[in-house]
């Protein structure tokens, strides 16, 4: 690549980074403003002194954001773990064993990626109600885990196919059982793919709103996206913009930390599983 093209590429990437980072910066800055600054000032002005750090305490103590945050952590961690276990085991069977309808089974899982999210709302609502799981975190965990299965299987099947079969044959000769080969050899070797699926599932479930607002209606079971939406409705005609932005900042912190720490695994896992 020539020096001129490299400079142009860096300028473009720098501009793109500014487009991504500025909304995050503006959200944080807005969380430090008073309501008077929002109403009387310009929306793009910087906050005036003193900075309203009390907005974070206000939203944490008066709007139960802490409780909603704990619910989101429980649902996201449990759903991600369950989806990972099911997708990894299913993908291993589809990728490494020959049986009738294997291709059809894989096609059915992958085709589920094309089903719009909203189409499953009504059937899932009545299904959870009939099972006594509506308005429970456990029901929400099962729904999120099932929803993430197609993507996990799509990625992990491609990744397992890249691993040489000689590894399994050597393990079998050494006396390893099928379960031992899967848990002690194949899963550690597929760590990049597992990390990729885990991170993508975490980000998707953490930010999910539609299922959360339809399948749970009790305040004690709200997740963070639902809780923030309810918080805005409760403010009615007197919206407290500072605490509202503070709640958004709190909701973004876990996602930002996870993405910064594991961004290489996201791209590396998908790339490794896409090429055989």
Foldseek 3Di string as FASTA:
>chain_A
DDPVVVVVVVVVVVVVVCVVCVVVVLLVQLLFAFPCCPVVHDSSDGHDPPTPPCLLVCCVPPLVLVLQAVLLVVLLVLLLVLLLVVLQVLLCCLQPDDDPCSVVVLVVLQVLVVDDPVVCQVVLQVVCVVVVNFQHSVSSSVVLSSSLNSVSSVLNNLLLNVDDCVQVVVCVVVPADPVCCSPVPVCVVLVLLSLQSSLVSSVPSLPDDPNQVRRHDDPSNHHLVPSLVVVQVVCPPNGGSNSSSSSVSVSCVVNVVSCVVCVVSNVVSRVSSVDD
